[in-house]
């Protein structure tokens, strides 16, 4: 795991790597201090957070990401939840053949 100026890079047990921006991590903390437990409404404004925010410590314990922020706040993220939200680094391209013709519509009929 690497703590960078603007992000945290995690290498999971299966070898996959995830890059997470620090502000995204802070904004998505789901603890009881940051979120209303009944509505999951965020209880703080991201605009109040320093844009150069960096975690003091970053630990990967089992399948959980643990962060300690400069103000003493602690965030814990489940690895499965983070992986479910991240965009795969590989894209699967499907090339069109020369026979492909997009369907045409007469928009004047709408």
N, C-alpha and C. Protein backbone atom coordinates (compact mmCIF):
# COMPACT_ATOMS: atom_id res chain seq x y z
N UNK A 1 0.85 -1.16 0.00
CA UNK A 1 0.00 0.00 0.00
C UNK A 1 0.90 1.23 0.00
N UNK A 2 0.51 2.22 -0.80
CA UNK A 2 1.31 3.43 -0.93
C UNK A 2 0.45 4.64 -0.64
N UNK A 3 0.92 5.50 0.25
CA UNK A 3 0.24 6.76 0.54
C UNK A 3 0.90 7.82 -0.33
N UNK A 4 0.12 8.42 -1.22
CA UNK A 4 0.64 9.46 -2.10
C UNK A 4 0.09 10.81 -1.66
N UNK A 5 0.54 11.88 -2.31
CA UNK A 5 0.09 13.22 -1.93
C UNK A 5 -1.42 13.39 -2.05
N UNK A 6 -2.02 12.87 -3.10
CA UNK A 6 -3.44 13.09 -3.35
C UNK A 6 -4.28 11.82 -3.28
N UNK A 7 -3.64 10.68 -3.07
CA UNK A 7 -4.39 9.43 -3.12
C UNK A 7 -3.69 8.33 -2.33
N UNK A 8 -4.42 7.23 -2.19
CA UNK A 8 -3.90 6.03 -1.56
C UNK A 8 -3.99 4.92 -2.59
N UNK A 9 -2.89 4.22 -2.80
CA UNK A 9 -2.88 3.09 -3.74
C UNK A 9 -2.83 1.80 -2.93
N UNK A 10 -3.81 0.95 -3.18
CA UNK A 10 -3.93 -0.30 -2.43
C UNK A 10 -3.67 -1.47 -3.37
N UNK A 11 -2.86 -2.41 -2.94
CA UNK A 11 -2.70 -3.66 -3.66
C UNK A 11 -3.36 -4.74 -2.80
N UNK A 12 -4.43 -5.32 -3.34
CA UNK A 12 -5.20 -6.32 -2.61
C UNK A 12 -4.50 -7.67 -2.65
N UNK A 13 -4.98 -8.61 -1.87
CA UNK A 13 -4.38 -9.95 -1.80
C UNK A 13 -4.36 -10.65 -3.15
N UNK A 14 -5.36 -10.36 -3.99
CA UNK A 14 -5.43 -11.02 -5.29
C UNK A 14 -4.54 -10.34 -6.34
N UNK A 15 -3.79 -9.30 -5.93
CA UNK A 15 -2.88 -8.62 -6.84
C UNK A 15 -3.46 -7.41 -7.53
N UNK A 16 -4.78 -7.22 -7.44
CA UNK A 16 -5.40 -6.05 -8.05
C UNK A 16 -4.97 -4.79 -7.30
N UNK A 17 -4.90 -3.69 -8.04
CA UNK A 17 -4.52 -2.41 -7.46
C UNK A 17 -5.67 -1.43 -7.61
N UNK A 18 -5.92 -0.65 -6.56
CA UNK A 18 -6.95 0.38 -6.56
C UNK A 18 -6.33 1.69 -6.12
N UNK A 19 -6.60 2.76 -6.87
CA UNK A 19 -6.12 4.09 -6.53
C UNK A 19 -7.32 4.92 -6.08
N UNK A 20 -7.27 5.41 -4.84
CA UNK A 20 -8.40 6.14 -4.26
C UNK A 20 -7.96 7.54 -3.85
N UNK A 21 -8.60 8.59 -4.38
CA UNK A 21 -8.26 9.96 -3.98
C UNK A 21 -8.58 10.19 -2.50
N UNK A 22 -7.70 10.93 -1.83
CA UNK A 22 -7.88 11.21 -0.40
C UNK A 22 -9.22 11.89 -0.11
N UNK A 23 -9.58 12.89 -0.91
CA UNK A 23 -10.85 13.59 -0.66
C UNK A 23 -12.04 12.66 -0.86
N UNK A 24 -11.95 11.76 -1.82
CA UNK A 24 -13.03 10.79 -2.04
C UNK A 24 -13.17 9.90 -0.81
N UNK A 25 -12.04 9.45 -0.29
CA UNK A 25 -12.07 8.59 0.90
C UNK A 25 -12.71 9.32 2.08
N UNK A 26 -12.28 10.56 2.31
CA UNK A 26 -12.83 11.32 3.44
C UNK A 26 -14.32 11.58 3.25
N UNK A 27 -14.71 11.91 2.02
CA UNK A 27 -16.10 12.22 1.72
C UNK A 27 -17.00 10.99 1.86
N UNK A 28 -16.45 9.81 1.67
CA UNK A 28 -17.25 8.59 1.69
C UNK A 28 -17.13 7.79 2.98
N UNK A 29 -16.61 8.41 4.02
CA UNK A 29 -16.57 7.73 5.32
C UNK A 29 -18.02 7.50 5.77
N UNK A 30 -18.31 6.27 6.18
CA UNK A 30 -19.68 5.92 6.55
C UNK A 30 -19.86 5.71 8.05
N UNK A 31 -18.94 6.23 8.85
CA UNK A 31 -19.05 6.03 10.30
C UNK A 31 -20.21 6.85 10.88
N UNK A 32 -20.55 6.59 12.13
CA UNK A 32 -21.67 7.27 12.80
C UNK A 32 -21.42 8.76 13.00
N UNK A 33 -20.16 9.18 13.03
CA UNK A 33 -19.84 10.60 13.18
C UNK A 33 -20.07 11.34 11.86
N UNK A 34 -19.82 10.66 10.75
CA UNK A 34 -19.91 11.30 9.43
C UNK A 34 -21.27 11.14 8.77
N UNK A 35 -22.03 10.13 9.16
CA UNK A 35 -23.32 9.85 8.51
C UNK A 35 -24.41 9.66 9.56
N UNK A 36 -25.61 10.11 9.22
CA UNK A 36 -26.78 9.84 10.04
C UNK A 36 -27.08 8.35 9.90
N UNK A 37 -27.17 7.64 11.01
CA UNK A 37 -27.35 6.19 10.95
C UNK A 37 -28.69 5.77 10.36
N UNK A 38 -29.70 6.63 10.45
CA UNK A 38 -31.02 6.27 9.93
C UNK A 38 -31.17 6.61 8.45
N UNK A 39 -30.59 7.72 8.03
CA UNK A 39 -30.80 8.17 6.64
C UNK A 39 -29.55 8.08 5.78
N UNK A 40 -28.40 7.82 6.36
CA UNK A 40 -27.08 7.83 5.74
C UNK A 40 -26.70 9.21 5.16
N UNK A 41 -27.44 10.25 5.58
CA UNK A 41 -27.13 11.61 5.15
C UNK A 41 -25.76 12.01 5.71
N UNK A 42 -24.97 12.66 4.87
CA UNK A 42 -23.65 13.12 5.30
C UNK A 42 -23.81 14.25 6.30
N UNK A 43 -23.05 14.23 7.39
CA UNK A 43 -23.19 15.20 8.46
C UNK A 43 -22.11 16.29 8.44
N UNK A 44 -21.30 16.31 7.39
CA UNK A 44 -20.30 17.37 7.26
C UNK A 44 -20.22 17.78 5.79
N UNK A 45 -19.66 18.94 5.55
CA UNK A 45 -19.51 19.44 4.18
C UNK A 45 -18.07 19.23 3.73
N UNK A 46 -17.90 18.66 2.57
CA UNK A 46 -16.56 18.43 2.05
C UNK A 46 -15.81 19.75 1.84
N UNK A 47 -16.55 20.83 1.63
CA UNK A 47 -15.92 22.14 1.46
C UNK A 47 -15.18 22.58 2.72
N UNK A 48 -15.49 21.97 3.85
CA UNK A 48 -14.81 22.29 5.11
C UNK A 48 -13.49 21.53 5.27
N UNK A 49 -13.22 20.62 4.34
CA UNK A 49 -12.02 19.79 4.42
C UNK A 49 -10.92 20.41 3.57
N UNK A 50 -9.70 20.40 4.07
CA UNK A 50 -8.54 20.91 3.34
C UNK A 50 -8.37 20.12 2.04
N UNK A 51 -8.23 20.81 0.92
CA UNK A 51 -8.09 20.12 -0.37
C UNK A 51 -6.80 19.33 -0.46
N UNK A 52 -5.83 19.64 0.37
CA UNK A 52 -4.55 18.92 0.39
C UNK A 52 -4.53 17.85 1.48
N UNK A 53 -5.69 17.41 1.90
CA UNK A 53 -5.83 16.41 2.96
C UNK A 53 -5.06 15.14 2.62
N UNK A 54 -4.31 14.66 3.60
CA UNK A 54 -3.61 13.38 3.49
C UNK A 54 -3.82 12.62 4.79
N UNK A 55 -4.07 11.31 4.71
CA UNK A 55 -4.20 10.55 5.95
C UNK A 55 -2.86 10.47 6.67
N UNK A 56 -2.92 10.46 8.00
CA UNK A 56 -1.71 10.30 8.81
C UNK A 56 -1.18 8.88 8.68
N UNK A 57 -2.10 7.91 8.80
CA UNK A 57 -1.72 6.50 8.66
C UNK A 57 -2.71 5.80 7.76
N UNK A 58 -2.22 4.80 7.06
CA UNK A 58 -3.03 3.97 6.18
C UNK A 58 -2.66 2.52 6.46
N UNK A 59 -3.64 1.70 6.80
CA UNK A 59 -3.38 0.29 7.09
C UNK A 59 -4.42 -0.58 6.40
N UNK A 60 -3.97 -1.68 5.85
CA UNK A 60 -4.86 -2.68 5.29
C UNK A 60 -4.85 -3.85 6.26
N UNK A 61 -5.95 -4.03 6.98
CA UNK A 61 -6.07 -5.08 7.99
C UNK A 61 -7.15 -6.04 7.52
N UNK A 62 -6.71 -7.29 7.28
CA UNK A 62 -7.60 -8.28 6.67
C UNK A 62 -8.09 -7.70 5.34
N UNK A 63 -9.39 -7.47 5.21
CA UNK A 63 -9.93 -6.91 3.97
C UNK A 63 -10.56 -5.54 4.25
N UNK A 64 -9.97 -4.80 5.19
CA UNK A 64 -10.48 -3.47 5.52
C UNK A 64 -9.36 -2.44 5.42
N UNK A 65 -9.71 -1.29 4.87
CA UNK A 65 -8.79 -0.17 4.79
C UNK A 65 -9.04 0.74 5.98
N UNK A 66 -8.02 0.98 6.80
CA UNK A 66 -8.12 1.82 7.99
C UNK A 66 -7.30 3.08 7.77
N UNK A 67 -7.92 4.24 7.96
CA UNK A 67 -7.23 5.52 7.80
C UNK A 67 -7.37 6.35 9.06
N UNK A 68 -6.31 7.04 9.41
CA UNK A 68 -6.33 8.02 10.49
C UNK A 68 -6.06 9.37 9.85
N UNK A 69 -6.99 10.31 10.03
CA UNK A 69 -6.88 11.64 9.43
C UNK A 69 -6.20 12.60 10.39
N UNK A 70 -5.66 13.72 9.88
CA UNK A 70 -4.93 14.68 10.74
C UNK A 70 -5.75 15.21 11.92
N UNK A 71 -7.07 15.28 11.78
CA UNK A 71 -7.90 15.79 12.89
C UNK A 71 -8.23 14.72 13.92
N UNK A 72 -7.65 13.51 13.77
CA UNK A 72 -7.88 12.42 14.70
C UNK A 72 -9.03 11.51 14.31
N UNK A 73 -9.76 11.86 13.27
CA UNK A 73 -10.88 11.03 12.82
C UNK A 73 -10.36 9.73 12.21
N UNK A 74 -11.06 8.64 12.47
CA UNK A 74 -10.69 7.34 11.91
C UNK A 74 -11.79 6.87 10.96
N UNK A 75 -11.36 6.38 9.81
CA UNK A 75 -12.29 5.84 8.81
C UNK A 75 -11.91 4.40 8.53
N UNK A 76 -12.93 3.57 8.36
CA UNK A 76 -12.73 2.16 8.01
C UNK A 76 -13.62 1.86 6.81
N UNK A 77 -13.03 1.26 5.79
CA UNK A 77 -13.75 0.93 4.56
C UNK A 77 -13.60 -0.56 4.30
N UNK A 78 -14.70 -1.22 4.00
CA UNK A 78 -14.65 -2.64 3.64
C UNK A 78 -14.07 -2.77 2.24
N UNK A 79 -13.14 -3.68 2.09
CA UNK A 79 -12.50 -3.87 0.80
C UNK A 79 -13.49 -4.24 -0.29
N UNK A 80 -14.46 -5.09 0.03
CA UNK A 80 -15.43 -5.50 -0.98
C UNK A 80 -16.25 -4.31 -1.48
N UNK A 81 -16.57 -3.39 -0.58
CA UNK A 81 -17.33 -2.20 -0.97
C UNK A 81 -16.50 -1.29 -1.87
N UNK A 82 -15.23 -1.12 -1.54
CA UNK A 82 -14.35 -0.29 -2.37
C UNK A 82 -14.20 -0.90 -3.75
N UNK A 83 -13.94 -2.20 -3.80
CA UNK A 83 -13.76 -2.86 -5.11
C UNK A 83 -15.03 -2.81 -5.94
N UNK A 84 -16.19 -2.85 -5.30
CA UNK A 84 -17.46 -2.78 -6.03
C UNK A 84 -17.68 -1.41 -6.66
N UNK A 85 -17.10 -0.37 -6.07
CA UNK A 85 -17.29 1.00 -6.57
C UNK A 85 -16.25 1.42 -7.60
N UNK A 86 -15.14 0.73 -7.67
CA UNK A 86 -14.08 1.17 -8.55
C UNK A 86 -14.31 0.70 -9.98
N UNK A 87 -13.82 1.49 -10.89
CA UNK A 87 -13.95 1.20 -12.32
C UNK A 87 -12.80 0.28 -12.73
N UNK A 88 -13.10 -0.81 -13.42
CA UNK A 88 -12.01 -1.68 -13.86
C UNK A 88 -11.03 -0.91 -14.75
N UNK A 89 -9.75 -1.22 -14.61
CA UNK A 89 -8.73 -0.54 -15.40
C UNK A 89 -8.71 -1.02 -16.85
N UNK A 90 -9.27 -2.18 -17.10
CA UNK A 90 -9.29 -2.68 -18.47
C UNK A 90 -10.66 -2.43 -19.08
N UNK A 91 -10.66 -2.03 -20.31
CA UNK A 91 -11.91 -1.85 -21.03
C UNK A 91 -11.99 -2.90 -22.12
N UNK A 92 -13.16 -3.37 -22.35
CA UNK A 92 -13.37 -4.38 -23.37
C UNK A 92 -13.96 -3.69 -24.60
N UNK A 93 -13.13 -3.53 -25.60
CA UNK A 93 -13.58 -2.88 -26.81
C UNK A 93 -14.28 -3.87 -27.71
N UNK A 94 -15.34 -3.42 -28.32
CA UNK A 94 -16.03 -4.24 -29.31
C UNK A 94 -16.08 -3.42 -30.59
N UNK A 95 -15.31 -3.84 -31.56
CA UNK A 95 -15.25 -3.11 -32.81
C UNK A 95 -16.47 -3.42 -33.67
N UNK A 96 -16.91 -2.40 -34.39
CA UNK A 96 -18.02 -2.60 -35.31
C UNK A 96 -17.49 -3.13 -36.63
N UNK A 97 -18.27 -3.99 -37.22
CA UNK A 97 -17.88 -4.48 -38.55
C UNK A 97 -18.32 -3.45 -39.59
N UNK A 98 -17.86 -3.61 -40.80
CA UNK A 98 -18.21 -2.65 -41.86
C UNK A 98 -19.69 -2.73 -42.22
N UNK A 99 -20.37 -3.79 -41.80
CA UNK A 99 -21.80 -3.93 -42.09
C UNK A 99 -22.67 -3.18 -41.09
N UNK A 100 -22.12 -2.71 -40.01
CA UNK A 100 -22.91 -2.05 -38.99
C UNK A 100 -23.46 -0.72 -39.50
N UNK A 101 -24.76 -0.55 -39.35
CA UNK A 101 -25.41 0.71 -39.70
C UNK A 101 -26.32 1.09 -38.54
N UNK A 102 -26.09 2.24 -37.91
CA UNK A 102 -26.97 2.65 -36.82
C UNK A 102 -28.39 2.84 -37.33
N UNK A 103 -29.35 2.51 -36.49
CA UNK A 103 -30.74 2.67 -36.85
C UNK A 103 -31.04 4.16 -37.01
N UNK A 104 -31.80 4.50 -38.03
CA UNK A 104 -32.13 5.90 -38.27
C UNK A 104 -33.58 6.17 -37.93
N UNK A 105 -33.83 7.36 -37.42
CA UNK A 105 -35.17 7.77 -37.03
C UNK A 105 -35.50 9.09 -37.68
N UNK A 106 -36.77 9.26 -38.01
CA UNK A 106 -37.24 10.55 -38.50
C UNK A 106 -37.75 11.32 -37.29
N UNK A 107 -36.92 12.22 -36.78
CA UNK A 107 -37.27 12.94 -35.56
C UNK A 107 -38.41 13.93 -35.79
N UNK A 108 -38.71 14.25 -37.02
CA UNK A 108 -39.83 15.13 -37.31
C UNK A 108 -41.17 14.48 -36.97
N UNK A 109 -41.21 13.16 -36.87
CA UNK A 109 -42.45 12.45 -36.55
C UNK A 109 -42.73 12.42 -35.05
N UNK A 110 -41.81 12.88 -34.24
CA UNK A 110 -42.03 12.85 -32.79
C UNK A 110 -42.87 14.00 -32.36
